[in-house]
Protein backbone atom coordinates (compact mmCIF):
# COMPACT_ATOMS: atom_id res chain seq x y z
CA UNK A 1 0.00 0.00 0.00
CA UNK A 2 2.81 2.39 0.90
CA UNK A 3 4.38 1.95 -2.53
CA UNK A 4 1.06 2.74 -4.24
CA UNK A 5 0.93 6.01 -2.27
CA UNK A 6 4.51 6.74 -3.27
CA UNK A 7 3.68 6.06 -6.92
CA UNK A 8 0.77 8.52 -6.74
CA UNK A 9 3.08 11.16 -5.27
CA UNK A 10 5.61 10.47 -8.02
CA UNK A 11 2.97 10.97 -10.70
CA UNK A 12 1.82 14.23 -9.13
CA UNK A 13 5.45 15.35 -8.97
CA UNK A 14 5.91 14.69 -12.68
CA UNK A 15 3.43 17.49 -13.35
CA UNK A 16 5.94 19.96 -11.87
CA UNK A 17 8.17 19.41 -14.91
CA UNK A 18 5.50 19.04 -17.62
CA UNK A 19 4.94 22.27 -19.58
CA UNK A 20 1.37 22.84 -20.68
CA UNK A 21 0.82 22.30 -24.39
CA UNK A 22 -0.53 25.82 -24.97
CA UNK A 23 3.04 27.12 -24.70
CA UNK A 24 3.75 26.06 -28.28
CA UNK A 25 0.55 27.71 -29.54
CA UNK A 26 1.25 31.03 -27.85
CA UNK A 27 4.94 31.02 -28.71
CA UNK A 28 6.09 32.10 -25.27
CA UNK A 29 8.53 30.86 -22.68
CA UNK A 30 6.31 31.58 -19.70
CA UNK A 31 6.90 28.88 -17.05
CA UNK A 32 3.46 27.28 -17.01
CA UNK A 33 3.44 23.64 -16.00
CA UNK A 34 0.50 21.33 -15.44
CA UNK A 35 1.23 21.50 -11.70
CA UNK A 36 1.24 25.31 -11.61
CA UNK A 37 -2.02 25.30 -13.57
CA UNK A 38 -3.63 22.88 -11.09
CA UNK A 39 -2.54 25.06 -8.18
CA UNK A 40 -4.11 28.12 -9.76
CA UNK A 41 -7.30 26.21 -10.59
CA UNK A 42 -7.58 25.01 -6.99
CA UNK A 43 -7.41 28.56 -5.59
CA UNK A 44 -9.89 29.94 -8.14
CA UNK A 45 -12.23 26.98 -7.56
CA UNK A 46 -12.38 27.65 -3.83
CA UNK A 47 -13.10 31.34 -4.44
CA UNK A 48 -15.85 30.59 -6.95
CA UNK A 49 -17.45 28.05 -4.62
CA UNK A 50 -17.64 30.59 -1.81
CA UNK A 51 -18.85 33.33 -4.18
CA UNK A 52 -21.61 30.94 -5.25
CA UNK A 53 -22.71 30.56 -1.62
CA UNK A 54 -21.18 27.16 -0.87
CA UNK A 55 -19.72 26.40 2.54
CA UNK A 56 -16.05 26.41 3.50
CA UNK A 57 -16.08 22.60 3.58
CA UNK A 58 -17.56 22.33 0.09
CA UNK A 59 -15.12 25.00 -1.06
CA UNK A 60 -12.26 22.80 0.15
CA UNK A 61 -13.75 19.93 -1.83
CA UNK A 62 -13.73 22.14 -4.92
CA UNK A 63 -10.14 23.03 -4.12
CA UNK A 64 -9.23 19.33 -3.95
CA UNK A 65 -10.94 18.68 -7.28
CA UNK A 66 -9.00 21.54 -8.79
CA UNK A 67 -5.72 20.22 -7.44
CA UNK A 68 -6.29 16.78 -8.98
CA UNK A 69 -8.27 17.69 -12.11
CA UNK A 70 -5.30 17.15 -14.46
CA UNK A 71 -3.49 14.43 -12.51
CA UNK A 72 -4.30 11.91 -15.27
CA UNK A 73 -2.05 13.92 -17.59
CA UNK A 74 0.94 12.41 -15.80
CA UNK A 75 -0.03 9.32 -17.83
CA UNK A 76 -1.77 10.74 -20.88
CA UNK A 77 0.15 13.95 -21.46
CA UNK A 78 -1.53 17.30 -22.13
CA UNK A 79 -3.41 17.43 -25.43
CA UNK A 80 -3.84 20.96 -26.78
CA UNK A 81 -6.82 22.41 -28.63
CA UNK A 82 -5.59 21.13 -32.01
CA UNK A 83 -4.54 17.64 -30.86
CA UNK A 84 -7.91 17.02 -29.23
CA UNK A 85 -9.48 17.08 -32.69
CA UNK A 86 -7.52 13.96 -33.61
CA UNK A 87 -6.57 12.10 -30.44
CA UNK A 88 -8.92 10.25 -28.11
CA UNK A 89 -7.52 10.14 -24.58
CA UNK A 90 -8.92 7.68 -22.04
CA UNK A 91 -8.62 9.86 -18.93
CA UNK A 92 -11.14 7.71 -17.05
CA UNK A 93 -8.87 4.67 -17.38
CA UNK A 94 -5.82 6.72 -16.47
CA UNK A 95 -7.48 7.93 -13.26
CA UNK A 96 -8.76 4.45 -12.42
CA UNK A 97 -5.27 3.04 -12.83
CA UNK A 98 -3.72 5.85 -10.82
CA UNK A 99 -5.99 5.28 -7.82
CA UNK A 100 -6.01 1.47 -7.98
CA UNK A 101 -4.60 -0.27 -4.93
CA UNK A 102 -4.96 2.76 -2.67
CA UNK A 103 -7.09 2.36 0.47
CA UNK A 104 -8.58 5.78 -0.30
CA UNK A 105 -8.53 5.31 -4.06
CA UNK A 106 -12.28 4.88 -4.40
CA UNK A 107 -12.87 8.18 -2.59
CA UNK A 108 -10.61 10.00 -5.04
CA UNK A 109 -12.16 8.23 -8.01
CA UNK A 110 -15.67 9.21 -6.92
CA UNK A 111 -14.63 12.81 -6.37
CA UNK A 112 -13.05 13.06 -9.81
CA UNK A 113 -16.06 11.29 -11.34
CA UNK A 114 -18.20 14.05 -9.84
CA UNK A 115 -15.93 16.64 -11.41
CA UNK A 116 -16.18 15.00 -14.84
CA UNK A 117 -19.99 14.79 -14.57
CA UNK A 118 -20.26 18.59 -14.05
CA UNK A 119 -23.56 18.23 -12.23
CA UNK A 120 -22.80 19.52 -8.74
CA UNK A 121 -22.24 23.24 -8.26
CA UNK A 122 -18.74 22.64 -6.89
CA UNK A 123 -17.81 20.64 -10.01
CA UNK A 124 -19.10 23.47 -12.17
CA UNK A 125 -16.99 25.92 -10.16
CA UNK A 126 -13.89 23.79 -10.80
CA UNK A 127 -14.47 23.66 -14.55
CA UNK A 128 -15.03 27.40 -14.61
CA UNK A 129 -11.81 27.79 -12.62
CA UNK A 130 -10.00 25.66 -15.21
CA UNK A 131 -11.11 28.06 -17.94
CA UNK A 132 -10.34 31.18 -15.91
CA UNK A 133 -6.84 29.90 -15.09
CA UNK A 134 -6.11 29.53 -18.81
CA UNK A 135 -7.51 32.98 -19.47
CA UNK A 136 -5.35 34.40 -16.68
CA UNK A 137 -2.19 33.15 -18.38
CA UNK A 138 -3.34 34.67 -21.67
CA UNK A 139 -4.15 37.94 -19.89
CA UNK A 140 -0.70 38.16 -18.29
CA UNK A 141 0.92 37.55 -21.68
CA UNK A 142 -1.27 40.26 -23.25
CA UNK A 143 0.18 42.74 -20.78
CA UNK A 144 3.65 41.55 -21.80
CA UNK A 145 2.89 42.40 -25.42
CA UNK A 146 2.08 38.93 -26.80
CA UNK A 147 -0.20 39.49 -29.81
CA UNK A 148 -1.12 35.80 -30.08
CA UNK A 149 -2.29 35.83 -26.47
CA UNK A 150 -4.30 39.00 -27.11
CA UNK A 151 -6.18 37.34 -29.95
CA UNK A 152 -6.78 34.22 -27.87
CA UNK A 153 -7.91 36.21 -24.82
CA UNK A 154 -10.32 38.32 -26.88
CA UNK A 155 -11.65 35.16 -28.52
CA UNK A 156 -12.36 33.65 -25.13
CA UNK A 157 -14.83 36.44 -24.41
CA UNK A 158 -16.76 35.40 -27.50
CA UNK A 159 -16.38 31.64 -27.31
CA UNK A 160 -15.96 30.74 -23.64
CA UNK A 161 -17.10 33.40 -21.19
CA UNK A 162 -20.80 33.24 -22.25
CA UNK A 163 -20.71 29.50 -21.58
CA UNK A 164 -19.18 29.65 -18.10
CA UNK A 165 -21.36 27.71 -15.70
CA UNK A 166 -21.49 30.24 -12.86
CA UNK A 167 -22.28 33.94 -12.73
CA UNK A 168 -19.35 34.42 -10.36
CA UNK A 169 -16.92 33.14 -12.99
CA UNK A 170 -18.39 35.47 -15.61
CA UNK A 171 -17.99 38.41 -13.22
CA UNK A 172 -14.37 37.48 -12.51
CA UNK A 173 -13.62 37.20 -16.22
CA UNK A 174 -14.90 40.72 -16.86
CA UNK A 175 -13.13 42.13 -13.82
CA UNK A 176 -9.92 40.51 -15.06
CA UNK A 177 -10.25 42.16 -18.46
CA UNK A 178 -10.73 45.56 -16.84
CA UNK A 179 -7.74 45.19 -14.52
CA UNK A 180 -4.02 44.45 -14.90
CA UNK A 181 -1.84 41.70 -13.39
CA UNK A 182 -0.18 44.06 -10.91
CA UNK A 183 -3.22 46.04 -9.78
CA UNK A 184 -3.42 44.23 -6.44
CA UNK A 185 -0.14 45.54 -5.01
CA UNK A 186 -0.48 48.98 -6.59
CA UNK A 187 -3.95 49.28 -5.05
CA UNK A 188 -2.88 47.88 -1.68
CA UNK A 189 0.33 49.88 -1.23
CA UNK A 190 0.76 52.75 -3.70
CA UNK A 191 -2.82 54.06 -3.91
CA UNK A 192 -3.18 53.83 -0.13
CA UNK A 193 0.16 55.51 0.50
CA UNK A 194 1.40 52.60 2.59
CA UNK A 195 5.16 52.56 3.26
CA UNK A 196 5.82 55.35 0.81
CA UNK A 197 9.32 55.70 2.23
CA UNK A 198 10.20 52.58 0.28
CA UNK A 199 9.52 54.60 -2.87
CA UNK A 200 10.74 58.02 -1.77
CA UNK A 201 13.26 57.23 0.93
CA UNK A 202 12.99 58.08 4.62
CA UNK A 203 12.47 61.69 5.59
């Protein structure tokens, strides 16, 4: 049993070194791995769940779904938008094999089955978070002058945002578009005049 747990940890760790396939489409060298994507999805999923009125406990469940939502890609790889038109990936089998032999494997399998079904509100929040996380990367690249990312990001507002499953996700998408990636610290410190001596020097 211990080795099966270790194998699961090893597969999760592989995602730290697996670049997401969109990197080749956007022509950038932004460090965006499957693991970093899952981390971002997990945080967004929790926020969306709470914004949608779900409890802290259910929010943590959404966070767990987000953390594991691409774990199967340790076995299948990450198929991009183009490849998915030609390749059929059996993620269900990959997940089943990943969790086999674990005393808690059935719990994980059921949770990820719920995510794939997209019926519960928390599962819908996670899928919306998956989309928003991709849009966030595009948005950051837009601010860095990437014209491919700008076209992709604008296209998402036509092709993806209207189909987001929660109103909270739609609101976040629009707020993202009207902001910039560094607004948080400018708003928190510069606009409020906090620790201005760090900018101007001590009197």
